[in-house]
N, C-alpha and C. Protein backbone atom coordinates (compact mmCIF):
# COMPACT_ATOMS: atom_id res chain seq x y z
N MET A 1 42.08 -12.25 -8.38
CA MET A 1 41.57 -11.02 -7.62
C MET A 1 42.55 -10.74 -6.49
N SER A 2 43.21 -9.69 -6.59
CA SER A 2 44.28 -9.38 -5.69
C SER A 2 43.78 -8.29 -4.75
N ASN A 3 42.37 -7.92 -4.73
CA ASN A 3 41.82 -6.89 -3.70
C ASN A 3 41.33 -7.66 -2.38
N GLY A 4 41.53 -9.13 -2.45
CA GLY A 4 40.93 -9.52 -1.30
C GLY A 4 39.50 -10.12 -1.40
N LYS A 5 38.82 -9.79 -2.46
CA LYS A 5 37.44 -10.37 -2.75
C LYS A 5 37.40 -11.49 -3.52
N SER A 6 36.65 -12.40 -3.42
CA SER A 6 36.60 -13.68 -3.96
C SER A 6 35.73 -13.65 -5.17
N MET A 7 35.80 -14.74 -6.20
CA MET A 7 34.96 -15.06 -7.27
C MET A 7 33.49 -15.08 -6.73
N ALA A 8 33.20 -15.79 -5.66
CA ALA A 8 31.94 -15.93 -5.23
C ALA A 8 31.39 -14.64 -4.71
N ASP A 9 31.90 -13.72 -4.29
CA ASP A 9 31.36 -12.49 -3.90
C ASP A 9 31.17 -11.67 -5.32
N TYR A 10 31.99 -11.81 -6.21
CA TYR A 10 31.73 -11.43 -7.46
C TYR A 10 30.48 -11.88 -8.23
N TRP A 11 30.19 -13.05 -8.24
CA TRP A 11 29.13 -13.79 -8.78
C TRP A 11 27.98 -13.44 -7.86
N ARG A 12 28.13 -13.57 -6.65
CA ARG A 12 26.96 -13.08 -5.73
C ARG A 12 26.36 -11.64 -6.12
N ALA A 13 27.34 -10.47 -6.44
CA ALA A 13 26.99 -9.38 -6.77
C ALA A 13 26.24 -9.20 -8.15
N ASN A 14 27.04 -10.12 -9.01
CA ASN A 14 26.55 -10.22 -10.40
C ASN A 14 25.07 -10.67 -10.23
N LEU A 15 24.70 -11.83 -9.79
CA LEU A 15 23.42 -12.30 -9.77
C LEU A 15 22.43 -11.36 -9.10
N ARG A 16 22.77 -10.72 -7.96
CA ARG A 16 22.02 -9.90 -7.45
C ARG A 16 21.46 -8.65 -8.49
N LEU A 17 22.54 -8.13 -9.16
CA LEU A 17 22.25 -7.29 -10.14
C LEU A 17 21.24 -7.72 -11.09
N LEU A 18 21.25 -8.90 -11.67
CA LEU A 18 20.53 -9.56 -12.55
C LEU A 18 19.18 -9.85 -12.05
N VAL A 19 19.05 -10.27 -10.78
CA VAL A 19 17.73 -10.39 -10.23
C VAL A 19 16.96 -9.01 -9.93
N ILE A 20 17.71 -8.00 -9.66
CA ILE A 20 17.25 -6.69 -9.55
C ILE A 20 16.64 -6.19 -11.17
N CYS A 21 17.37 -6.38 -12.09
CA CYS A 21 17.07 -6.09 -13.41
C CYS A 21 15.60 -6.71 -13.71
N LEU A 22 15.82 -7.91 -13.64
CA LEU A 22 14.83 -8.90 -14.11
C LEU A 22 13.43 -8.52 -13.47
N THR A 23 13.63 -8.25 -12.17
CA THR A 23 12.45 -8.04 -11.35
C THR A 23 11.68 -6.59 -11.70
N ILE A 24 12.42 -5.72 -12.11
CA ILE A 24 11.99 -4.35 -12.65
C ILE A 24 11.42 -4.71 -14.16
N TRP A 25 12.01 -5.21 -14.66
CA TRP A 25 11.46 -5.44 -16.19
C TRP A 25 10.13 -6.45 -15.98
N PHE A 26 9.88 -7.53 -15.20
CA PHE A 26 8.76 -8.23 -14.87
C PHE A 26 7.54 -7.16 -14.29
N ILE A 27 8.04 -6.35 -13.44
CA ILE A 27 7.11 -5.40 -12.87
C ILE A 27 6.48 -4.58 -14.12
N VAL A 28 7.28 -4.00 -14.77
CA VAL A 28 7.09 -3.13 -15.97
C VAL A 28 6.23 -3.87 -16.86
N SER A 29 6.74 -4.94 -17.43
CA SER A 29 6.10 -5.73 -18.63
C SER A 29 4.65 -6.36 -18.34
N PHE A 30 4.85 -7.29 -17.26
CA PHE A 30 3.78 -8.17 -16.68
C PHE A 30 2.85 -7.37 -15.88
N GLY A 31 3.56 -6.49 -14.81
CA GLY A 31 2.54 -5.98 -13.95
C GLY A 31 1.95 -4.80 -14.33
N PHE A 32 2.51 -3.84 -15.05
CA PHE A 32 1.81 -2.55 -15.70
C PHE A 32 1.24 -3.02 -16.98
N GLY A 33 1.68 -3.90 -17.80
CA GLY A 33 1.25 -4.15 -19.20
C GLY A 33 0.01 -5.14 -19.08
N ILE A 34 -0.05 -5.89 -18.10
CA ILE A 34 -1.14 -6.83 -18.10
C ILE A 34 -2.09 -6.88 -16.90
N LEU A 35 -1.45 -6.87 -15.84
CA LEU A 35 -2.23 -7.10 -14.39
C LEU A 35 -2.76 -5.63 -14.01
N LEU A 36 -2.18 -4.60 -14.15
CA LEU A 36 -2.71 -3.35 -13.83
C LEU A 36 -3.15 -2.58 -15.12
N ALA A 37 -3.38 -3.14 -16.28
CA ALA A 37 -3.69 -2.50 -17.54
C ALA A 37 -4.95 -1.69 -17.16
N GLY A 38 -5.84 -2.30 -16.73
CA GLY A 38 -7.16 -1.92 -16.67
C GLY A 38 -7.32 -0.52 -15.68
N PRO A 39 -6.71 -0.49 -14.37
CA PRO A 39 -6.69 0.67 -13.69
C PRO A 39 -5.67 1.99 -14.38
N LEU A 40 -4.71 1.60 -15.25
CA LEU A 40 -3.84 2.28 -15.87
C LEU A 40 -4.46 3.03 -16.98
N ASN A 41 -5.50 2.35 -17.63
CA ASN A 41 -5.83 2.74 -18.80
C ASN A 41 -6.91 4.01 -18.38
N ALA A 42 -7.10 4.38 -17.40
CA ALA A 42 -7.96 5.67 -16.89
C ALA A 42 -7.05 6.78 -17.21
N ILE A 43 -5.84 6.65 -17.34
CA ILE A 43 -4.71 7.59 -17.65
C ILE A 43 -4.33 7.50 -19.10
N SER A 44 -4.16 8.70 -19.70
CA SER A 44 -3.73 8.58 -21.25
C SER A 44 -2.32 9.43 -21.43
N ILE A 45 -1.70 8.75 -22.45
CA ILE A 45 -0.57 9.70 -22.81
C ILE A 45 -0.55 9.51 -24.50
N ALA A 46 -0.44 10.81 -24.89
CA ALA A 46 -0.69 11.12 -26.23
C ALA A 46 -1.98 10.51 -26.83
N GLY A 47 -3.05 10.29 -26.21
CA GLY A 47 -4.28 9.74 -26.73
C GLY A 47 -4.27 8.33 -26.37
N TYR A 48 -3.40 7.54 -25.94
CA TYR A 48 -3.43 6.21 -25.79
C TYR A 48 -3.58 5.96 -24.42
N PRO A 49 -4.24 4.89 -23.82
CA PRO A 49 -4.49 4.49 -22.60
C PRO A 49 -3.01 3.88 -22.00
N LEU A 50 -2.80 4.42 -20.75
CA LEU A 50 -1.33 4.11 -20.09
C LEU A 50 -1.05 2.61 -20.07
N GLY A 51 -2.09 2.05 -19.64
CA GLY A 51 -1.77 0.13 -19.72
C GLY A 51 -1.56 -0.10 -21.07
N PHE A 52 -2.16 0.19 -22.08
CA PHE A 52 -1.97 -0.21 -23.38
C PHE A 52 -0.37 0.43 -23.87
N TRP A 53 -0.06 1.51 -23.30
CA TRP A 53 1.11 2.04 -23.67
C TRP A 53 2.52 1.32 -23.04
N PHE A 54 2.19 0.93 -21.74
CA PHE A 54 3.05 0.23 -21.07
C PHE A 54 3.33 -1.36 -21.86
N ALA A 55 2.18 -1.88 -22.20
CA ALA A 55 2.38 -3.15 -22.80
C ALA A 55 3.06 -3.09 -24.22
N GLN A 56 2.74 -1.96 -25.05
CA GLN A 56 3.43 -2.05 -26.18
C GLN A 56 4.83 -1.05 -26.27
N GLN A 57 4.75 -0.06 -25.57
CA GLN A 57 6.08 0.80 -25.67
C GLN A 57 6.92 0.76 -24.42
N GLY A 58 6.17 0.98 -23.22
CA GLY A 58 6.89 1.16 -21.84
C GLY A 58 7.75 -0.06 -21.60
N SER A 59 7.42 -1.31 -21.77
CA SER A 59 8.14 -2.49 -21.33
C SER A 59 9.45 -2.42 -22.31
N ILE A 60 9.29 -2.01 -23.48
CA ILE A 60 10.46 -2.08 -24.38
C ILE A 60 11.35 -0.97 -24.00
N TYR A 61 11.12 0.28 -23.76
CA TYR A 61 11.76 1.53 -23.54
C TYR A 61 12.60 0.92 -22.03
N THR A 62 11.87 0.49 -20.93
CA THR A 62 12.35 -0.04 -19.89
C THR A 62 13.54 -1.40 -20.04
N PHE A 63 13.34 -2.16 -21.05
CA PHE A 63 13.98 -3.07 -21.38
C PHE A 63 15.48 -2.50 -21.89
N ILE A 64 15.34 -1.56 -22.83
CA ILE A 64 16.51 -1.01 -23.33
C ILE A 64 17.26 -0.29 -22.28
N ALA A 65 16.65 0.33 -21.54
CA ALA A 65 17.34 1.28 -20.36
C ALA A 65 17.85 0.33 -19.48
N LEU A 66 17.30 -0.71 -19.15
CA LEU A 66 17.90 -1.99 -18.27
C LEU A 66 19.28 -2.43 -18.92
N ILE A 67 19.18 -2.70 -20.02
CA ILE A 67 20.39 -3.15 -20.87
C ILE A 67 21.62 -2.18 -20.49
N PHE A 68 21.35 -0.99 -20.76
CA PHE A 68 22.43 0.05 -20.47
C PHE A 68 22.80 0.05 -19.08
N PHE A 69 21.96 0.16 -18.38
CA PHE A 69 22.22 0.24 -16.74
C PHE A 69 23.11 -1.03 -16.40
N TYR A 70 22.73 -2.42 -16.91
CA TYR A 70 23.23 -3.49 -16.61
C TYR A 70 24.72 -3.45 -16.97
N ALA A 71 24.88 -2.94 -18.22
CA ALA A 71 26.35 -2.87 -18.86
C ALA A 71 27.26 -1.85 -17.92
N TRP A 72 26.44 -0.68 -17.63
CA TRP A 72 27.24 0.25 -16.94
C TRP A 72 27.52 -0.49 -15.44
N LYS A 73 26.64 -0.93 -14.93
CA LYS A 73 26.96 -1.44 -13.45
C LYS A 73 27.89 -2.59 -13.55
N MET A 74 27.73 -3.51 -14.46
CA MET A 74 28.74 -4.62 -14.67
C MET A 74 30.13 -4.10 -14.93
N ASN A 75 30.39 -3.00 -15.75
CA ASN A 75 31.64 -2.43 -15.62
C ASN A 75 32.32 -2.01 -14.33
N GLN A 76 31.35 -1.27 -13.45
CA GLN A 76 31.68 -1.10 -12.13
C GLN A 76 32.20 -2.33 -11.30
N LEU A 77 31.22 -3.41 -11.49
CA LEU A 77 31.74 -4.51 -10.76
C LEU A 77 32.89 -5.26 -11.17
N ASP A 78 33.27 -5.16 -12.51
CA ASP A 78 34.55 -5.78 -13.08
C ASP A 78 35.65 -5.07 -12.42
N ARG A 79 35.54 -3.54 -12.43
CA ARG A 79 36.73 -3.02 -11.78
C ARG A 79 36.81 -3.18 -10.26
N GLU A 80 35.70 -3.09 -9.75
CA GLU A 80 35.62 -3.45 -8.02
C GLU A 80 36.28 -4.57 -7.94
N PHE A 81 36.13 -5.63 -8.71
CA PHE A 81 36.60 -7.15 -8.34
C PHE A 81 37.90 -7.32 -9.16
N ASP A 82 38.52 -6.34 -9.69
CA ASP A 82 39.54 -6.44 -10.75
C ASP A 82 39.63 -7.65 -11.71
N VAL A 83 38.49 -7.71 -12.39
CA VAL A 83 38.26 -8.60 -13.57
C VAL A 83 38.10 -8.08 -14.82
N HIS A 84 38.28 -6.59 -14.81
CA HIS A 84 37.89 -5.94 -16.02
C HIS A 84 38.81 -6.27 -17.06
N GLU A 85 38.45 -5.90 -18.35
CA GLU A 85 39.35 -6.05 -19.40
C GLU A 85 40.03 -4.59 -19.67
N ASP A 86 41.48 -4.76 -19.97
CA ASP A 86 42.03 -3.56 -20.25
C ASP A 86 42.10 -3.16 -21.65
């Protein structure tokens, strides 16, 4: 790392990003799909209660979006810390 940043800084940024992504996934899957399913079921999407939708579809869509976001953000971090693949 020739840009003055250490590997410890890189791993700190990496773990911070990972914790953020896992927290979002937990909130959507467990929070919306289980804990808040009752109140969310008062709202409906395409005829299905919103709590059910989050438990069955929303958490999956969120997880897929988080995979792409994580890959994009890690590419940025790799370039910033000069550990990217050429």
